[in-house]
C-alpha atoms as a PDB file:
ATOM      1  CA  MET A   1       6.552  14.003  -1.060  1.00  0.00           C
ATOM      2  CA  PRO A   2       3.942  13.165  -3.721  1.00  0.00           C
ATOM      3  CA  ILE A   3       5.030  13.100  -7.330  1.00  0.00           C
ATOM      4  CA  ARG A   4       3.102  15.541  -9.476  1.00  0.00           C
ATOM      5  CA  ALA A   5       2.795  15.841 -13.218  1.00  0.00           C
ATOM      6  CA  LYS A   6       4.600  18.831 -14.655  1.00  0.00           C
ATOM      7  CA  THR A   7       2.308  21.545 -15.931  1.00  0.00           C
ATOM      8  CA  SER A   8       4.750  24.291 -16.851  1.00  0.00           C
ATOM      9  CA  LYS A   9       5.622  24.865 -20.480  1.00  0.00           C
ATOM     10  CA  THR A  10       9.295  23.941 -20.227  1.00  0.00           C
ATOM     11  CA  LYS A  11       9.165  21.894 -23.437  1.00  0.00           C
ATOM     12  CA  ALA A  12       6.792  22.234 -26.349  1.00  0.00           C
ATOM     13  CA  GLY A  13       3.823  19.982 -25.820  1.00  0.00           C
ATOM     14  CA  ALA A  14       4.766  18.980 -22.284  1.00  0.00           C
ATOM     15  CA  ALA A  15       2.001  21.068 -20.747  1.00  0.00           C
ATOM     16  CA  LYS A  16      -0.572  19.549 -23.104  1.00  0.00           C
ATOM     17  CA  THR A  17       0.307  15.930 -22.364  1.00  0.00           C
ATOM     18  CA  GLY A  18       1.581  16.188 -18.788  1.00  0.00           C
ATOM     19  CA  THR A  19       4.749  14.349 -19.817  1.00  0.00           C
ATOM     20  CA  THR A  20       8.366  15.354 -19.706  1.00  0.00           C
ATOM     21  CA  LYS A  21      11.284  14.389 -21.911  1.00  0.00           C
ATOM     22  CA  ALA A  22      12.241  11.704 -19.375  1.00  0.00           C
ATOM     23  CA  ASP A  23       8.706  10.275 -19.513  1.00  0.00           C
ATOM     24  CA  ALA A  24       8.867  10.048 -23.293  1.00  0.00           C
ATOM     25  CA  ALA A  25      11.927   7.802 -23.075  1.00  0.00           C
ATOM     26  CA  CYS A  26       9.850   4.960 -21.612  1.00  0.00           C
ATOM     27  CA  CYS A  27       6.761   5.545 -23.745  1.00  0.00           C
ATOM     28  CA  ASP A  28       7.838   4.743 -27.288  1.00  0.00           C
ATOM     29  CA  PRO A  29       4.858   5.699 -29.481  1.00  0.00           C
ATOM     30  CA  GLY A  30       6.161   3.392 -32.197  1.00  0.00           C
ATOM     31  CA  LEU A  31       5.867   0.292 -30.003  1.00  0.00           C
ATOM     32  CA  SER A  32       2.432  -1.276 -30.364  1.00  0.00           C
ATOM     33  CA  ALA A  33       1.076  -4.098 -28.222  1.00  0.00           C
ATOM     34  CA  ALA A  34       1.321  -6.402 -31.221  1.00  0.00           C
ATOM     35  CA  ALA A  35       5.065  -5.721 -31.463  1.00  0.00           C
ATOM     36  CA  ILE A  36       5.794  -6.908 -27.909  1.00  0.00           C
ATOM     37  CA  PRO A  37       7.242 -10.442 -27.917  1.00  0.00           C
ATOM     38  CA  ALA A  38       4.860 -12.954 -26.340  1.00  0.00           C
ATOM     39  CA  ASP A  39       7.477 -14.151 -23.826  1.00  0.00           C
ATOM     40  CA  LEU A  40       7.658 -10.625 -22.346  1.00  0.00           C
ATOM     41  CA  VAL A  41       3.922 -10.304 -21.725  1.00  0.00           C
ATOM     42  CA  GLU A  42       2.836 -10.747 -18.106  1.00  0.00           C
ATOM     43  CA  HIS A  43      -0.466 -12.441 -17.363  1.00  0.00           C
ATOM     44  CA  ALA A  44      -2.564 -12.403 -14.224  1.00  0.00           C
ATOM     45  CA  ARG A  45      -1.327 -14.716 -11.490  1.00  0.00           C
ATOM     46  CA  PRO A  46      -3.482 -16.444  -8.869  1.00  0.00           C
ATOM     47  CA  GLU A  47      -1.779 -14.462  -6.083  1.00  0.00           C
ATOM     48  CA  ASP A  48      -2.436 -11.065  -7.705  1.00  0.00           C
ATOM     49  CA  ASP A  49      -5.778 -10.675  -5.903  1.00  0.00           C
ATOM     50  CA  GLU A  50      -4.094 -11.397  -2.567  1.00  0.00           C
ATOM     51  CA  LEU A  51      -1.356  -8.864  -3.291  1.00  0.00           C
ATOM     52  CA  ALA A  52      -3.890  -6.222  -4.297  1.00  0.00           C
ATOM     53  CA  GLU A  53      -5.924  -6.759  -1.129  1.00  0.00           C
ATOM     54  CA  LEU A  54      -2.891  -6.551   1.151  1.00  0.00           C
ATOM     55  CA  ALA A  55      -1.469  -3.549  -0.707  1.00  0.00           C
ATOM     56  CA  LYS A  56      -4.791  -1.746  -0.379  1.00  0.00           C
ATOM     57  CA  ALA A  57      -4.745  -2.414   3.368  1.00  0.00           C
ATOM     58  CA  VAL A  58      -1.385  -0.655   3.791  1.00  0.00           C
ATOM     59  CA  ALA A  59      -2.181   2.111   1.306  1.00  0.00           C
ATOM     60  CA  HIS A  60      -2.672   4.772   3.963  1.00  0.00           C
ATOM     61  CA  PRO A  61       0.013   6.407   6.114  1.00  0.00           C
ATOM     62  CA  VAL A  62      -1.956   5.905   9.344  1.00  0.00           C
ATOM     63  CA  ARG A  63      -2.256   2.171   8.675  1.00  0.00           C
ATOM     64  CA  VAL A  64       1.484   1.992   8.024  1.00  0.00           C
ATOM     65  CA  LEU A  65       2.025   3.812  11.320  1.00  0.00           C
ATOM     66  CA  ILE A  66      -0.272   1.371  13.125  1.00  0.00           C
ATOM     67  CA  LEU A  67       1.744  -1.559  11.787  1.00  0.00           C
ATOM     68  CA  ARG A  68       5.057   0.040  12.728  1.00  0.00           C
ATOM     69  CA  ASN A  69       3.889   0.805  16.256  1.00  0.00           C
ATOM     70  CA  LEU A  70       2.472  -2.667  16.764  1.00  0.00           C
ATOM     71  CA  LEU A  71       5.650  -4.273  15.453  1.00  0.00           C
ATOM     72  CA  ARG A  72       7.745  -2.288  17.938  1.00  0.00           C
ATOM     73  CA  ILE A  73       5.397  -2.562  20.919  1.00  0.00           C
ATOM     74  CA  GLY A  74       4.063  -6.056  20.325  1.00  0.00           C
ATOM     75  CA  THR A  75       0.607  -6.534  21.792  1.00  0.00           C
ATOM     76  CA  CYS A  76      -1.144  -3.272  22.549  1.00  0.00           C
ATOM     77  CA  TYR A  77      -4.504  -2.247  23.980  1.00  0.00           C
ATOM     78  CA  PHE A  78      -6.574  -0.084  21.661  1.00  0.00           C
ATOM     79  CA  GLY A  79      -6.598   2.950  23.959  1.00  0.00           C
ATOM     80  CA  LYS A  80      -2.820   3.083  24.184  1.00  0.00           C
ATOM     81  CA  LEU A  81      -2.444   2.520  20.436  1.00  0.00           C
ATOM     82  CA  ALA A  82      -4.996   5.232  19.643  1.00  0.00           C
ATOM     83  CA  ASP A  83      -3.028   7.659  21.847  1.00  0.00           C
ATOM     84  CA  LEU A  84       0.032   7.095  19.653  1.00  0.00           C
ATOM     85  CA  LEU A  85      -1.738   8.023  16.425  1.00  0.00           C
ATOM     86  CA  PRO A  86      -2.344  11.476  14.919  1.00  0.00           C
ATOM     87  CA  VAL A  87      -6.047  10.750  14.355  1.00  0.00           C
ATOM     88  CA  ALA A  88      -9.194  10.492  16.448  1.00  0.00           C
ATOM     89  CA  PRO A  89      -9.833   7.138  18.160  1.00  0.00           C
ATOM     90  CA  SER A  90     -12.832   6.515  15.886  1.00  0.00           C
ATOM     91  CA  THR A  91     -10.609   6.989  12.820  1.00  0.00           C
ATOM     92  CA  ALA A  92      -7.935   4.735  14.337  1.00  0.00           C
ATOM     93  CA  SER A  93     -10.621   2.109  14.855  1.00  0.00           C
ATOM     94  CA  GLN A  94     -11.635   2.307  11.186  1.00  0.00           C
ATOM     95  CA  HIS A  95      -8.021   1.865  10.090  1.00  0.00           C
ATOM     96  CA  LEU A  96      -7.572  -1.096  12.440  1.00  0.00           C
ATOM     97  CA  THR A  97     -10.690  -2.703  10.976  1.00  0.00           C
ATOM     98  CA  ILE A  98      -9.201  -2.475   7.481  1.00  0.00           C
ATOM     99  CA  LEU A  99      -5.940  -4.036   8.683  1.00  0.00           C
ATOM    100  CA  LYS A 100      -7.853  -6.766  10.530  1.00  0.00           C
ATOM    101  CA  ASP A 101     -10.058  -7.527   7.509  1.00  0.00           C
ATOM    102  CA  ALA A 102      -6.910  -7.979   5.408  1.00  0.00           C
ATOM    103  CA  GLY A 103      -5.451 -10.278   8.053  1.00  0.00           C
ATOM    104  CA  LEU A 104      -2.442  -8.086   8.830  1.00  0.00           C
ATOM    105  CA  VAL A 105      -3.583  -7.359  12.393  1.00  0.00           C
ATOM    106  CA  ARG A 106      -5.212  -9.669  14.913  1.00  0.00           C
ATOM    107  CA  GLY A 107      -7.410  -8.434  17.711  1.00  0.00           C
ATOM    108  CA  ASP A 108      -8.597 -10.065  20.906  1.00  0.00           C
ATOM    109  CA  ILE A 109     -10.563  -8.936  23.922  1.00  0.00           C
ATOM    110  CA  SER A 110      -8.348  -9.028  26.987  1.00  0.00           C
ATOM    111  CA  ASP A 111      -9.581  -7.758  30.355  1.00  0.00           C
ATOM    112  CA  ALA A 112     -12.694  -6.457  28.542  1.00  0.00           C
ATOM    113  CA  ARG A 113     -10.462  -4.220  26.359  1.00  0.00           C
ATOM    114  CA  PRO A 114      -9.561  -4.727  22.702  1.00  0.00           C
ATOM    115  CA  CYS A 115      -5.946  -5.739  22.265  1.00  0.00           C
ATOM    116  CA  TYR A 116      -4.096  -5.870  18.924  1.00  0.00           C
ATOM    117  CA  CYS A 117      -0.950  -7.329  17.400  1.00  0.00           C
ATOM    118  CA  VAL A 118       0.540  -7.795  13.929  1.00  0.00           C
ATOM    119  CA  ASP A 119       0.029 -11.137  12.226  1.00  0.00           C
ATOM    120  CA  VAL A 120       3.698 -11.495  11.319  1.00  0.00           C
ATOM    121  CA  PRO A 121       3.285 -14.426   8.885  1.00  0.00           C
ATOM    122  CA  LYS A 122       0.714 -12.399   6.929  1.00  0.00           C
ATOM    123  CA  LEU A 123       3.050  -9.389   6.869  1.00  0.00           C
ATOM    124  CA  ARG A 124       5.858 -11.649   5.599  1.00  0.00           C
ATOM    125  CA  ARG A 125       3.471 -12.891   2.910  1.00  0.00           C
ATOM    126  CA  LEU A 126       2.908  -9.289   1.788  1.00  0.00           C
ATOM    127  CA  GLN A 127       6.659  -8.778   1.612  1.00  0.00           C
ATOM    128  CA  GLN A 128       7.023 -11.982  -0.423  1.00  0.00           C
ATOM    129  CA  LEU A 129       4.278 -10.959  -2.848  1.00  0.00           C
ATOM    130  CA  LEU A 130       5.813  -7.521  -3.313  1.00  0.00           C
ATOM    131  CA  GLY A 131       9.091  -9.239  -4.113  1.00  0.00           C
ATOM    132  CA  THR A 132       7.448 -11.032  -7.047  1.00  0.00           C
ATOM    133  CA  LEU A 133       6.692  -7.774  -8.841  1.00  0.00           C
END
């Protein structure tokens, strides 16, 4: 279930800012960027671009479903995979293209039909990068 900002006037000012009392606990208005100790500041890492690209590739429920099905089935022809998804085959094809472009799925032509599987090392890399957050 998506998380939504509160809009009701349960607390004074909450409706204006979209924040709740719990939100305010992590957003100390008295803490400026200059007051943050230098050893706590995170800087961009070389692998951040890779993480962002892979995260974007799995940032849709249908693409997550494609990965889960391929992991359970193994190698799968496109037609069979498309039948398992709650979207039109053309939409499934677009999602597969995104996963292939990110390197999470590999595709080959077998018996004149497209056949797909998960690139497990690339999926493990995504898991590793997420672990560095």
